[in-house]
Amino acid sequence: MKVSEAAAAAAQAELSTLETMMKYASIGAPISGVVTERFVDPGDLIQTAAASRTQSAPIVSVARVDRVRVVVDVPEVAAAQVRVGTPASVRIEGLSGEPISARVTRVARVLHPASRTMRTEIDLPNRSDLLRPGASAKVSLTVRSFRGALTVPVAALRTEGPERVIYRVEGRVARRVVVETGLQSPEWIQVAEGLSGNEEVAVRSSGALKDGALVRSGK
């Protein structure tokens, strides 16, 4: 009787071991997504991180595609104004159409010691499945806003020595105006002093502009 009980216990232990081993035949992912890369082939022998003295190689790479994360490094001069909820405009390279309106999801709150920038992340929903992980994006963050601010294209601003200059167009003549500037985006710059807002300004020229130079309208 005791022999039979011992044999049954041994068989149960062996069955439990086999059941545990069979669990290794199934690979589970910590997130839902799609497999973007596979590093092993069916039938390959792999080791777990606990069983290997060296770092184990990955089996597959999985990416979540229902929501993508945009990573941007904010310069030190603007880092203090960026926080969770800061409005953002994201334009994805390769996609036409209007920029995507979003808000900052999380910030590092510390600056990278080498680049002096702050890592900032923006999560975007991908319901249409048009956003591709790994794509490039251009991000504009609204750190401050002024209602009724006067702005001109960045191309209209010129630096002449220590002064920042814009050429106002009067008839067909360019007139030099020294201005004080404020906030700047990649396309526009705020003019705090020097213009009233009713002027036409020179944006492009084939050479260096001078006060009194003849110009023509590009309209």
N, C-alpha and C. Protein backbone atom coordinates (compact mmCIF):
# COMPACT_ATOMS: atom_id res chain seq x y z
N MET A 1 0.82 -1.20 0.00
CA MET A 1 0.00 0.00 0.00
C MET A 1 0.86 1.26 0.00
N LYS A 2 1.88 1.23 0.89
CA LYS A 2 2.77 2.38 0.95
C LYS A 2 3.53 2.57 -0.34
N VAL A 3 3.88 1.43 -1.01
CA VAL A 3 4.58 1.53 -2.30
C VAL A 3 3.69 2.19 -3.34
N SER A 4 2.42 1.84 -3.34
CA SER A 4 1.49 2.42 -4.30
C SER A 4 1.31 3.92 -4.06
N GLU A 5 1.24 4.31 -2.78
CA GLU A 5 1.08 5.72 -2.47
C GLU A 5 2.33 6.51 -2.87
N ALA A 6 3.50 5.92 -2.65
CA ALA A 6 4.73 6.60 -3.04
C ALA A 6 4.82 6.75 -4.55
N ALA A 7 4.41 5.69 -5.27
CA ALA A 7 4.42 5.75 -6.74
C ALA A 7 3.46 6.81 -7.26
N ALA A 8 2.27 6.90 -6.59
CA ALA A 8 1.28 7.89 -7.00
C ALA A 8 1.80 9.31 -6.75
N ALA A 9 2.47 9.50 -5.60
CA ALA A 9 3.02 10.81 -5.28
C ALA A 9 4.11 11.20 -6.26
N ALA A 10 4.95 10.22 -6.62
CA ALA A 10 6.01 10.49 -7.58
C ALA A 10 5.44 10.85 -8.93
N ALA A 11 4.39 10.13 -9.33
CA ALA A 11 3.75 10.41 -10.61
C ALA A 11 3.12 11.79 -10.61
N GLN A 12 2.50 12.17 -9.46
CA GLN A 12 1.89 13.48 -9.36
C GLN A 12 2.93 14.59 -9.44
N ALA A 13 4.06 14.35 -8.78
CA ALA A 13 5.14 15.33 -8.82
C ALA A 13 5.69 15.48 -10.23
N GLU A 14 5.84 14.37 -10.93
CA GLU A 14 6.33 14.41 -12.32
C GLU A 14 5.34 15.13 -13.21
N LEU A 15 4.03 14.88 -12.98
CA LEU A 15 3.00 15.55 -13.77
C LEU A 15 3.04 17.05 -13.52
N SER A 16 3.22 17.45 -12.26
CA SER A 16 3.29 18.87 -11.93
C SER A 16 4.50 19.52 -12.61
N THR A 17 5.62 18.78 -12.64
CA THR A 17 6.83 19.30 -13.30
C THR A 17 6.59 19.49 -14.79
N LEU A 18 5.93 18.50 -15.41
CA LEU A 18 5.64 18.59 -16.84
C LEU A 18 4.68 19.74 -17.14
N GLU A 19 3.69 19.92 -16.29
CA GLU A 19 2.75 21.03 -16.48
C GLU A 19 3.48 22.37 -16.39
N THR A 20 4.41 22.47 -15.43
CA THR A 20 5.19 23.70 -15.29
C THR A 20 6.05 23.92 -16.52
N MET A 21 6.68 22.86 -17.03
CA MET A 21 7.52 22.99 -18.22
C MET A 21 6.71 23.39 -19.44
N MET A 22 5.47 22.86 -19.53
CA MET A 22 4.63 23.19 -20.68
C MET A 22 4.25 24.67 -20.71
N LYS A 23 4.24 25.30 -19.54
CA LYS A 23 3.91 26.72 -19.52
C LYS A 23 4.96 27.55 -20.26
N TYR A 24 6.19 27.01 -20.33
CA TYR A 24 7.24 27.72 -21.05
C TYR A 24 7.04 27.67 -22.56
N ALA A 25 6.12 26.82 -23.01
CA ALA A 25 5.84 26.73 -24.45
C ALA A 25 4.96 27.89 -24.92
N SER A 26 4.39 28.61 -23.97
CA SER A 26 3.54 29.75 -24.30
C SER A 26 4.25 31.04 -23.87
N ILE A 27 4.34 32.01 -24.78
CA ILE A 27 5.01 33.28 -24.51
C ILE A 27 3.96 34.37 -24.39
N GLY A 28 3.96 35.06 -23.28
CA GLY A 28 2.99 36.14 -23.05
C GLY A 28 3.66 37.49 -23.11
N ALA A 29 2.93 38.49 -23.61
CA ALA A 29 3.45 39.86 -23.70
C ALA A 29 2.83 40.72 -22.60
N PRO A 30 3.56 41.66 -22.06
CA PRO A 30 3.01 42.51 -21.00
C PRO A 30 2.01 43.54 -21.51
N ILE A 31 1.97 43.77 -22.83
CA ILE A 31 1.04 44.74 -23.42
C ILE A 31 0.40 44.13 -24.65
N SER A 32 -0.72 44.71 -25.06
CA SER A 32 -1.36 44.32 -26.32
C SER A 32 -0.75 45.15 -27.44
N GLY A 33 -0.44 44.53 -28.56
CA GLY A 33 0.16 45.25 -29.67
C GLY A 33 0.43 44.34 -30.84
N VAL A 34 1.40 44.74 -31.65
CA VAL A 34 1.78 43.95 -32.81
C VAL A 34 3.27 43.63 -32.72
N VAL A 35 3.65 42.48 -33.27
CA VAL A 35 5.06 42.09 -33.29
C VAL A 35 5.75 42.84 -34.42
N THR A 36 6.75 43.63 -34.08
CA THR A 36 7.47 44.40 -35.08
C THR A 36 8.78 43.74 -35.51
N GLU A 37 9.35 42.91 -34.63
CA GLU A 37 10.58 42.20 -34.96
C GLU A 37 10.56 40.84 -34.28
N ARG A 38 11.18 39.85 -34.94
CA ARG A 38 11.34 38.52 -34.35
C ARG A 38 12.81 38.16 -34.39
N PHE A 39 13.35 37.75 -33.24
CA PHE A 39 14.79 37.52 -33.11
C PHE A 39 15.17 36.04 -33.06
N VAL A 40 14.20 35.15 -32.97
CA VAL A 40 14.47 33.71 -32.94
C VAL A 40 13.53 33.01 -33.92
N ASP A 41 13.89 31.81 -34.31
CA ASP A 41 13.07 31.01 -35.22
C ASP A 41 12.43 29.86 -34.45
N PRO A 42 11.31 29.33 -34.96
CA PRO A 42 10.68 28.18 -34.31
C PRO A 42 11.68 27.01 -34.17
N GLY A 43 11.73 26.44 -32.98
CA GLY A 43 12.65 25.33 -32.72
C GLY A 43 13.96 25.75 -32.08
N ASP A 44 14.24 27.06 -32.03
CA ASP A 44 15.47 27.53 -31.42
C ASP A 44 15.42 27.33 -29.90
N LEU A 45 16.57 27.04 -29.32
CA LEU A 45 16.68 26.90 -27.88
C LEU A 45 16.96 28.27 -27.28
N ILE A 46 16.14 28.66 -26.33
CA ILE A 46 16.31 29.95 -25.67
C ILE A 46 16.44 29.75 -24.18
N GLN A 47 17.03 30.73 -23.50
CA GLN A 47 17.20 30.67 -22.07
C GLN A 47 16.49 31.84 -21.41
N THR A 48 15.99 31.58 -20.22
CA THR A 48 15.36 32.66 -19.48
C THR A 48 16.45 33.52 -18.82
N ALA A 49 16.08 34.72 -18.45
CA ALA A 49 17.05 35.62 -17.84
C ALA A 49 17.56 35.05 -16.52
N ALA A 50 16.70 34.28 -15.79
CA ALA A 50 17.10 33.72 -14.51
C ALA A 50 18.07 32.56 -14.68
N ALA A 51 17.96 31.85 -15.82
CA ALA A 51 18.80 30.67 -16.04
C ALA A 51 20.13 31.02 -16.69
N SER A 52 20.23 32.19 -17.26
CA SER A 52 21.45 32.57 -17.97
C SER A 52 22.26 33.55 -17.14
N ARG A 53 23.57 33.34 -17.11
CA ARG A 53 24.44 34.26 -16.39
C ARG A 53 24.65 35.55 -17.16
N THR A 54 24.41 35.50 -18.44
CA THR A 54 24.52 36.70 -19.27
C THR A 54 23.12 37.19 -19.59
N GLN A 55 23.03 38.40 -20.11
CA GLN A 55 21.74 38.97 -20.47
C GLN A 55 21.12 38.16 -21.61
N SER A 56 19.90 37.68 -21.39
CA SER A 56 19.24 36.86 -22.41
C SER A 56 18.82 37.72 -23.60
N ALA A 57 18.85 37.13 -24.78
CA ALA A 57 18.46 37.85 -25.99
C ALA A 57 16.94 37.95 -26.06
N PRO A 58 16.40 39.02 -26.61
CA PRO A 58 14.94 39.14 -26.74
C PRO A 58 14.41 38.15 -27.76
N ILE A 59 13.16 37.79 -27.60
CA ILE A 59 12.51 36.85 -28.53
C ILE A 59 11.81 37.64 -29.64
N VAL A 60 10.98 38.60 -29.25
CA VAL A 60 10.29 39.45 -30.22
C VAL A 60 10.24 40.87 -29.67
N SER A 61 9.94 41.80 -30.55
CA SER A 61 9.70 43.18 -30.16
C SER A 61 8.23 43.49 -30.42
N VAL A 62 7.54 44.00 -29.41
CA VAL A 62 6.11 44.28 -29.51
C VAL A 62 5.87 45.77 -29.36
N ALA A 63 5.05 46.33 -30.23
CA ALA A 63 4.73 47.76 -30.18
C ALA A 63 3.24 47.95 -30.02
N ARG A 64 2.88 48.87 -29.15
CA ARG A 64 1.48 49.25 -29.00
C ARG A 64 1.15 50.28 -30.08
N VAL A 65 0.10 50.07 -30.84
CA VAL A 65 -0.21 50.95 -31.97
C VAL A 65 -1.53 51.68 -31.81
N ASP A 66 -2.33 51.35 -30.80
CA ASP A 66 -3.58 52.08 -30.61
C ASP A 66 -3.34 53.46 -30.02
N ARG A 67 -2.17 53.64 -29.42
CA ARG A 67 -1.74 54.93 -28.88
C ARG A 67 -0.23 55.03 -29.07
N VAL A 68 0.23 56.15 -29.64
CA VAL A 68 1.66 56.33 -29.87
C VAL A 68 2.17 57.47 -29.00
N ARG A 69 3.45 57.45 -28.74
CA ARG A 69 4.07 58.44 -27.86
C ARG A 69 5.08 59.27 -28.65
N VAL A 70 4.92 60.57 -28.61
CA VAL A 70 5.85 61.49 -29.25
C VAL A 70 6.82 61.99 -28.18
N VAL A 71 8.10 61.87 -28.45
CA VAL A 71 9.14 62.29 -27.51
C VAL A 71 9.85 63.51 -28.07
N VAL A 72 9.94 64.56 -27.27
CA VAL A 72 10.60 65.79 -27.71
C VAL A 72 11.48 66.31 -26.57
N ASP A 73 12.63 66.86 -26.91
CA ASP A 73 13.54 67.42 -25.92
C ASP A 73 13.40 68.94 -25.92
N VAL A 74 12.89 69.48 -24.84
CA VAL A 74 12.61 70.92 -24.73
C VAL A 74 13.88 71.66 -24.29
N PRO A 75 14.27 72.73 -24.99
CA PRO A 75 15.47 73.49 -24.60
C PRO A 75 15.34 74.08 -23.19
N GLU A 76 16.48 74.32 -22.59
CA GLU A 76 16.52 74.81 -21.21
C GLU A 76 15.75 76.13 -21.04
N VAL A 77 15.80 77.01 -22.04
CA VAL A 77 15.17 78.33 -21.91
C VAL A 77 13.65 78.24 -21.79
N ALA A 78 13.06 77.14 -22.27
CA ALA A 78 11.60 76.99 -22.22
C ALA A 78 11.15 75.92 -21.25
N ALA A 79 12.09 75.19 -20.65
CA ALA A 79 11.73 74.04 -19.81
C ALA A 79 10.86 74.43 -18.63
N ALA A 80 11.10 75.60 -18.04
CA ALA A 80 10.34 76.00 -16.86
C ALA A 80 8.87 76.25 -17.17
N GLN A 81 8.54 76.56 -18.43
CA GLN A 81 7.16 76.84 -18.80
C GLN A 81 6.40 75.61 -19.27
N VAL A 82 7.08 74.48 -19.42
CA VAL A 82 6.43 73.27 -19.93
C VAL A 82 6.07 72.37 -18.77
N ARG A 83 4.83 71.93 -18.75
CA ARG A 83 4.34 71.04 -17.69
C ARG A 83 3.26 70.14 -18.26
N VAL A 84 2.80 69.20 -17.46
CA VAL A 84 1.72 68.33 -17.90
C VAL A 84 0.48 69.17 -18.22
N GLY A 85 -0.07 68.97 -19.44
CA GLY A 85 -1.22 69.73 -19.88
C GLY A 85 -0.89 70.89 -20.79
N THR A 86 0.39 71.21 -20.98
CA THR A 86 0.77 72.29 -21.89
C THR A 86 0.27 71.98 -23.30
N PRO A 87 -0.43 72.91 -23.96
CA PRO A 87 -0.92 72.66 -25.32
C PRO A 87 0.22 72.38 -26.30
N ALA A 88 -0.03 71.46 -27.21
CA ALA A 88 0.98 71.08 -28.20
C ALA A 88 0.33 70.91 -29.56
N SER A 89 1.11 71.16 -30.59
CA SER A 89 0.69 70.92 -31.97
C SER A 89 1.71 69.99 -32.60
N VAL A 90 1.25 68.86 -33.11
CA VAL A 90 2.14 67.83 -33.62
C VAL A 90 1.87 67.62 -35.11
N ARG A 91 2.91 67.76 -35.91
CA ARG A 91 2.80 67.48 -37.34
C ARG A 91 3.68 66.27 -37.65
N ILE A 92 3.07 65.22 -38.16
CA ILE A 92 3.77 63.98 -38.45
C ILE A 92 4.36 64.03 -39.85
N GLU A 93 5.66 63.75 -39.96
CA GLU A 93 6.31 63.72 -41.27
C GLU A 93 5.68 62.62 -42.12
N GLY A 94 5.38 62.94 -43.36
CA GLY A 94 4.79 61.95 -44.26
C GLY A 94 3.28 61.96 -44.27
N LEU A 95 2.63 62.70 -43.36
CA LEU A 95 1.18 62.79 -43.34
C LEU A 95 0.77 64.22 -43.66
N SER A 96 -0.09 64.36 -44.64
CA SER A 96 -0.60 65.69 -44.99
C SER A 96 -1.77 66.02 -44.08
N GLY A 97 -2.26 67.23 -44.19
CA GLY A 97 -3.39 67.63 -43.38
C GLY A 97 -2.99 68.53 -42.24
N GLU A 98 -3.98 68.88 -41.41
CA GLU A 98 -3.75 69.79 -40.31
C GLU A 98 -2.93 69.13 -39.21
N PRO A 99 -2.16 69.92 -38.47
CA PRO A 99 -1.43 69.37 -37.33
C PRO A 99 -2.39 68.80 -36.29
N ILE A 100 -1.91 67.87 -35.51
CA ILE A 100 -2.72 67.23 -34.47
C ILE A 100 -2.61 68.05 -33.19
N SER A 101 -3.76 68.46 -32.66
CA SER A 101 -3.77 69.18 -31.39
C SER A 101 -3.70 68.19 -30.24
N ALA A 102 -2.83 68.46 -29.29
CA ALA A 102 -2.65 67.54 -28.17
C ALA A 102 -2.18 68.33 -26.95
N ARG A 103 -1.87 67.61 -25.88
CA ARG A 103 -1.32 68.22 -24.68
C ARG A 103 -0.20 67.35 -24.14
N VAL A 104 0.73 67.99 -23.46
CA VAL A 104 1.86 67.25 -22.87
C VAL A 104 1.33 66.25 -21.85
N THR A 105 1.78 65.01 -21.98
CA THR A 105 1.34 63.94 -21.09
C THR A 105 2.23 63.81 -19.86
N ARG A 106 3.54 63.94 -20.06
CA ARG A 106 4.45 63.81 -18.92
C ARG A 106 5.76 64.54 -19.24
N VAL A 107 6.46 64.98 -18.19
CA VAL A 107 7.75 65.66 -18.34
C VAL A 107 8.75 65.05 -17.38
N ALA A 108 10.02 65.13 -17.75
CA ALA A 108 11.07 64.55 -16.91
C ALA A 108 11.33 65.40 -15.67
N ARG A 109 11.12 66.71 -15.77
CA ARG A 109 11.31 67.67 -14.67
C ARG A 109 12.78 67.90 -14.34
N VAL A 110 13.68 67.23 -15.02
CA VAL A 110 15.11 67.48 -14.86
C VAL A 110 15.72 67.64 -16.25
N LEU A 111 16.84 68.33 -16.32
CA LEU A 111 17.52 68.55 -17.60
C LEU A 111 18.61 67.52 -17.80
N HIS A 112 18.78 67.11 -19.06
CA HIS A 112 19.88 66.21 -19.38
C HIS A 112 21.18 66.99 -19.22
N PRO A 113 22.16 66.46 -18.49
CA PRO A 113 23.37 67.23 -18.20
C PRO A 113 24.19 67.59 -19.42
N ALA A 114 24.10 66.80 -20.49
CA ALA A 114 24.90 67.07 -21.69
C ALA A 114 24.20 68.02 -22.64
N SER A 115 22.93 67.76 -22.94
CA SER A 115 22.20 68.57 -23.92
C SER A 115 21.47 69.76 -23.32
N ARG A 116 21.32 69.78 -22.00
CA ARG A 116 20.59 70.83 -21.30
C ARG A 116 19.17 70.94 -21.83
N THR A 117 18.54 69.81 -22.06
CA THR A 117 17.16 69.76 -22.51
C THR A 117 16.35 68.88 -21.56
N MET A 118 15.03 69.05 -21.58
CA MET A 118 14.15 68.28 -20.73
C MET A 118 13.29 67.34 -21.58
N ARG A 119 13.36 66.05 -21.30
CA ARG A 119 12.59 65.07 -22.05
C ARG A 119 11.09 65.27 -21.75
N THR A 120 10.31 65.40 -22.82
CA THR A 120 8.87 65.64 -22.72
C THR A 120 8.15 64.65 -23.63
N GLU A 121 7.02 64.12 -23.16
CA GLU A 121 6.29 63.10 -23.92
C GLU A 121 4.84 63.52 -24.14
N ILE A 122 4.34 63.19 -25.32
CA ILE A 122 2.96 63.48 -25.71
C ILE A 122 2.34 62.20 -26.24
N ASP A 123 1.26 61.75 -25.65
CA ASP A 123 0.56 60.55 -26.12
C ASP A 123 -0.54 60.95 -27.09
N LEU A 124 -0.59 60.25 -28.22
CA LEU A 124 -1.60 60.53 -29.25
C LEU A 124 -2.43 59.29 -29.52
N PRO A 125 -3.76 59.40 -29.54
CA PRO A 125 -4.59 58.26 -29.92
C PRO A 125 -4.39 57.95 -31.41
N ASN A 126 -4.46 56.69 -31.76
CA ASN A 126 -4.21 56.26 -33.15
C ASN A 126 -5.40 55.45 -33.65
N ARG A 127 -6.59 56.02 -33.50
CA ARG A 127 -7.81 55.29 -33.88
C ARG A 127 -7.85 55.00 -35.38
N SER A 128 -7.31 55.90 -36.19
CA SER A 128 -7.34 55.71 -37.64
C SER A 128 -6.21 54.82 -38.14
N ASP A 129 -5.28 54.45 -37.25
CA ASP A 129 -4.15 53.57 -37.59
C ASP A 129 -3.24 54.20 -38.66
N LEU A 130 -3.15 55.52 -38.67
CA LEU A 130 -2.28 56.21 -39.63
C LEU A 130 -0.92 56.55 -39.04
N LEU A 131 -0.84 56.61 -37.71
CA LEU A 131 0.42 56.96 -37.06
C LEU A 131 1.28 55.73 -36.93
N ARG A 132 2.55 55.86 -37.29
CA ARG A 132 3.47 54.73 -37.28
C ARG A 132 4.56 54.95 -36.24
N PRO A 133 4.70 54.02 -35.28
CA PRO A 133 5.80 54.13 -34.32
C PRO A 133 7.14 54.22 -35.04
N GLY A 134 7.98 55.14 -34.60
CA GLY A 134 9.28 55.35 -35.23
C GLY A 134 9.30 56.49 -36.22
N ALA A 135 8.13 57.06 -36.56
CA ALA A 135 8.08 58.16 -37.52
C ALA A 135 8.60 59.45 -36.88
N SER A 136 9.01 60.39 -37.72
CA SER A 136 9.47 61.70 -37.24
C SER A 136 8.29 62.66 -37.11
N ALA A 137 8.41 63.60 -36.20
CA ALA A 137 7.35 64.57 -35.99
C ALA A 137 7.94 65.92 -35.64
N LYS A 138 7.21 66.99 -35.97
CA LYS A 138 7.57 68.34 -35.58
C LYS A 138 6.56 68.79 -34.53
N VAL A 139 7.07 69.26 -33.41
CA VAL A 139 6.21 69.60 -32.28
C VAL A 139 6.36 71.08 -31.93
N SER A 140 5.24 71.74 -31.76
CA SER A 140 5.22 73.13 -31.27
C SER A 140 4.48 73.14 -29.94
N LEU A 141 5.10 73.72 -28.92
CA LEU A 141 4.50 73.81 -27.60
C LEU A 141 4.13 75.26 -27.31
N THR A 142 2.93 75.48 -26.81
CA THR A 142 2.48 76.82 -26.46
C THR A 142 2.86 77.07 -25.01
N VAL A 143 4.02 77.68 -24.80
CA VAL A 143 4.49 77.91 -23.43
C VAL A 143 3.85 79.16 -22.84
N ARG A 144 3.59 80.16 -23.67
CA ARG A 144 2.88 81.37 -23.25
C ARG A 144 2.08 81.89 -24.43
N SER A 145 1.02 82.61 -24.14
CA SER A 145 0.22 83.19 -25.22
C SER A 145 -0.20 84.60 -24.83
N PHE A 146 -0.24 85.47 -25.86
CA PHE A 146 -0.65 86.85 -25.66
C PHE A 146 -1.73 87.17 -26.68
N ARG A 147 -2.92 87.52 -26.19
CA ARG A 147 -4.01 87.86 -27.10
C ARG A 147 -3.71 89.17 -27.80
N GLY A 148 -3.93 89.18 -29.13
CA GLY A 148 -3.71 90.39 -29.90
C GLY A 148 -2.26 90.72 -30.16
N ALA A 149 -1.36 89.75 -29.96
CA ALA A 149 0.06 90.01 -30.18
C ALA A 149 0.32 90.23 -31.67
N LEU A 150 1.22 91.15 -31.97
CA LEU A 150 1.60 91.44 -33.35
C LEU A 150 2.74 90.51 -33.76
N THR A 151 2.56 89.78 -34.84
CA THR A 151 3.59 88.85 -35.31
C THR A 151 3.87 89.09 -36.79
N VAL A 152 5.08 88.74 -37.19
CA VAL A 152 5.48 88.79 -38.60
C VAL A 152 6.21 87.49 -38.93
N PRO A 153 6.30 87.12 -40.21
CA PRO A 153 7.08 85.93 -40.56
C PRO A 153 8.53 86.06 -40.11
N VAL A 154 9.12 84.97 -39.68
CA VAL A 154 10.51 84.99 -39.23
C VAL A 154 11.42 85.50 -40.33
N ALA A 155 11.08 85.21 -41.60
CA ALA A 155 11.91 85.64 -42.72
C ALA A 155 11.97 87.16 -42.87
N ALA A 156 11.02 87.88 -42.25
CA ALA A 156 11.01 89.33 -42.36
C ALA A 156 12.01 89.99 -41.41
N LEU A 157 12.48 89.25 -40.42
CA LEU A 157 13.38 89.82 -39.42
C LEU A 157 14.82 89.70 -39.87
N ARG A 158 15.58 90.75 -39.73
CA ARG A 158 17.00 90.76 -40.08
C ARG A 158 17.81 91.26 -38.90
N THR A 159 19.00 90.72 -38.74
CA THR A 159 19.90 91.16 -37.68
C THR A 159 21.02 91.99 -38.30
N GLU A 160 21.11 93.24 -37.90
CA GLU A 160 22.14 94.15 -38.41
C GLU A 160 22.91 94.68 -37.22
N GLY A 161 24.08 94.09 -36.99
CA GLY A 161 24.86 94.45 -35.81
C GLY A 161 24.10 94.05 -34.56
N PRO A 162 23.99 94.95 -33.60
CA PRO A 162 23.26 94.62 -32.38
C PRO A 162 21.76 94.80 -32.50
N GLU A 163 21.28 95.28 -33.65
CA GLU A 163 19.86 95.62 -33.81
C GLU A 163 19.11 94.56 -34.61
N ARG A 164 17.84 94.42 -34.28
CA ARG A 164 16.93 93.56 -35.04
C ARG A 164 16.06 94.49 -35.88
N VAL A 165 16.04 94.23 -37.18
CA VAL A 165 15.47 95.18 -38.13
C VAL A 165 14.41 94.50 -38.99
N ILE A 166 13.36 95.26 -39.27
CA ILE A 166 12.35 94.86 -40.25
C ILE A 166 12.22 96.00 -41.25
N TYR A 167 12.06 95.68 -42.53
CA TYR A 167 11.89 96.71 -43.56
C TYR A 167 10.41 96.85 -43.89
N ARG A 168 9.88 98.03 -43.56
CA ARG A 168 8.49 98.35 -43.85
C ARG A 168 8.39 98.84 -45.30
N VAL A 169 7.36 98.42 -46.01
CA VAL A 169 7.18 98.80 -47.41
C VAL A 169 6.22 99.98 -47.49
N GLU A 170 6.72 101.11 -48.02
CA GLU A 170 5.90 102.30 -48.23
C GLU A 170 5.86 102.57 -49.72
N GLY A 171 4.72 102.26 -50.33
CA GLY A 171 4.64 102.36 -51.78
C GLY A 171 5.52 101.30 -52.41
N ARG A 172 6.62 101.75 -53.04
CA ARG A 172 7.58 100.82 -53.62
C ARG A 172 8.95 100.97 -52.98
N VAL A 173 8.98 101.57 -51.79
CA VAL A 173 10.25 101.86 -51.12
C VAL A 173 10.30 101.13 -49.78
N ALA A 174 11.46 100.55 -49.47
CA ALA A 174 11.68 99.87 -48.20
C ALA A 174 12.22 100.85 -47.18
N ARG A 175 11.61 100.86 -45.98
CA ARG A 175 12.05 101.74 -44.91
C ARG A 175 12.50 100.90 -43.72
N ARG A 176 13.70 101.18 -43.25
CA ARG A 176 14.31 100.42 -42.16
C ARG A 176 13.66 100.77 -40.82
N VAL A 177 13.25 99.75 -40.08
CA VAL A 177 12.62 99.96 -38.78
C VAL A 177 13.30 99.04 -37.76
N VAL A 178 13.82 99.64 -36.70
CA VAL A 178 14.40 98.85 -35.61
C VAL A 178 13.26 98.40 -34.70
N VAL A 179 13.23 97.12 -34.37
CA VAL A 179 12.12 96.57 -33.60
C VAL A 179 12.64 95.84 -32.37
N GLU A 180 11.72 95.68 -31.40
CA GLU A 180 11.94 94.83 -30.25
C GLU A 180 11.07 93.58 -30.43
N THR A 181 11.67 92.42 -30.26
CA THR A 181 10.94 91.18 -30.49
C THR A 181 10.65 90.44 -29.19
N GLY A 182 9.70 89.50 -29.27
CA GLY A 182 9.32 88.72 -28.11
C GLY A 182 9.38 87.24 -28.39
N LEU A 183 8.25 86.57 -28.22
CA LEU A 183 8.20 85.12 -28.41
C LEU A 183 8.39 84.78 -29.88
N GLN A 184 8.91 83.57 -30.11
CA GLN A 184 9.19 83.14 -31.47
C GLN A 184 8.83 81.68 -31.64
N SER A 185 8.23 81.36 -32.80
CA SER A 185 7.96 79.99 -33.21
C SER A 185 8.80 79.72 -34.45
N PRO A 186 8.79 78.51 -34.98
CA PRO A 186 9.56 78.25 -36.20
C PRO A 186 9.16 79.13 -37.39
N GLU A 187 7.92 79.64 -37.39
CA GLU A 187 7.43 80.39 -38.56
C GLU A 187 7.17 81.86 -38.27
N TRP A 188 6.85 82.20 -37.03
CA TRP A 188 6.44 83.56 -36.70
C TRP A 188 7.24 84.09 -35.51
N ILE A 189 7.35 85.43 -35.45
CA ILE A 189 8.01 86.06 -34.31
C ILE A 189 7.19 87.27 -33.88
N GLN A 190 7.11 87.47 -32.59
CA GLN A 190 6.34 88.58 -32.04
C GLN A 190 7.15 89.88 -32.12
N VAL A 191 6.48 90.96 -32.55
CA VAL A 191 7.08 92.29 -32.56
C VAL A 191 6.46 93.07 -31.41
N ALA A 192 7.26 93.33 -30.38
CA ALA A 192 6.75 94.03 -29.20
C ALA A 192 6.74 95.54 -29.40
N GLU A 193 7.73 96.08 -30.12
CA GLU A 193 7.82 97.52 -30.37
C GLU A 193 8.38 97.76 -31.76
N GLY A 194 7.89 98.84 -32.39
CA GLY A 194 8.42 99.24 -33.69
C GLY A 194 7.41 99.24 -34.81
N LEU A 195 6.36 98.42 -34.71
CA LEU A 195 5.31 98.35 -35.73
C LEU A 195 3.95 98.52 -35.08
N SER A 196 3.00 99.05 -35.86
CA SER A 196 1.64 99.24 -35.35
C SER A 196 0.72 98.09 -35.72
N GLY A 197 1.09 97.34 -36.76
CA GLY A 197 0.25 96.24 -37.21
C GLY A 197 -0.45 96.50 -38.52
N ASN A 198 -0.35 97.73 -39.04
CA ASN A 198 -1.00 98.06 -40.31
C ASN A 198 -0.02 98.14 -41.47
N GLU A 199 1.24 97.82 -41.22
CA GLU A 199 2.27 97.97 -42.26
C GLU A 199 2.39 96.71 -43.12
N GLU A 200 2.93 96.92 -44.32
CA GLU A 200 3.41 95.81 -45.13
C GLU A 200 4.91 95.69 -44.90
N VAL A 201 5.42 94.47 -44.81
CA VAL A 201 6.85 94.29 -44.54
C VAL A 201 7.46 93.43 -45.64
N ALA A 202 8.74 93.65 -45.86
CA ALA A 202 9.48 92.87 -46.85
C ALA A 202 9.88 91.53 -46.23
N VAL A 203 9.58 90.46 -46.94
CA VAL A 203 9.87 89.12 -46.44
C VAL A 203 11.05 88.50 -47.17
N ARG A 204 11.10 88.67 -48.48
CA ARG A 204 12.18 88.09 -49.29
C ARG A 204 12.86 89.16 -50.11
N SER A 205 14.15 88.97 -50.35
CA SER A 205 14.90 89.88 -51.21
C SER A 205 16.05 89.11 -51.83
N SER A 206 16.42 89.51 -53.03
CA SER A 206 17.52 88.83 -53.73
C SER A 206 18.88 89.20 -53.16
N GLY A 207 18.95 90.30 -52.46
CA GLY A 207 20.21 90.74 -51.86
C GLY A 207 19.94 91.44 -50.55
N ALA A 208 20.95 92.12 -50.02
CA ALA A 208 20.79 92.83 -48.76
C ALA A 208 19.94 94.07 -48.98
N LEU A 209 18.94 94.26 -48.13
CA LEU A 209 18.07 95.43 -48.23
C LEU A 209 18.73 96.62 -47.55
N LYS A 210 18.43 97.81 -48.09
CA LYS A 210 18.88 99.06 -47.48
C LYS A 210 17.71 100.02 -47.41
N ASP A 211 17.81 100.96 -46.50
CA ASP A 211 16.75 101.96 -46.37
C ASP A 211 16.63 102.74 -47.67
N GLY A 212 15.41 102.81 -48.21
CA GLY A 212 15.16 103.53 -49.45
C GLY A 212 15.25 102.68 -50.70
N ALA A 213 15.56 101.38 -50.55
CA ALA A 213 15.66 100.51 -51.71
C ALA A 213 14.29 100.30 -52.33
N LEU A 214 14.27 100.17 -53.67
CA LEU A 214 13.02 99.90 -54.36
C LEU A 214 12.64 98.45 -54.19
N VAL A 215 11.34 98.21 -53.96
CA VAL A 215 10.84 96.85 -53.80
C VAL A 215 9.59 96.70 -54.64
N ARG A 216 9.20 95.47 -54.82
CA ARG A 216 7.95 95.21 -55.54
C ARG A 216 7.14 94.19 -54.75
N SER A 217 5.84 94.29 -54.90
CA SER A 217 4.95 93.42 -54.15
C SER A 217 4.97 92.02 -54.73
N GLY A 218 4.87 91.02 -53.85
CA GLY A 218 4.83 89.63 -54.31
C GLY A 218 3.44 89.10 -54.47
N LYS A 219 2.43 89.96 -54.32
CA LYS A 219 1.05 89.52 -54.45
C LYS A 219 0.74 89.14 -55.88
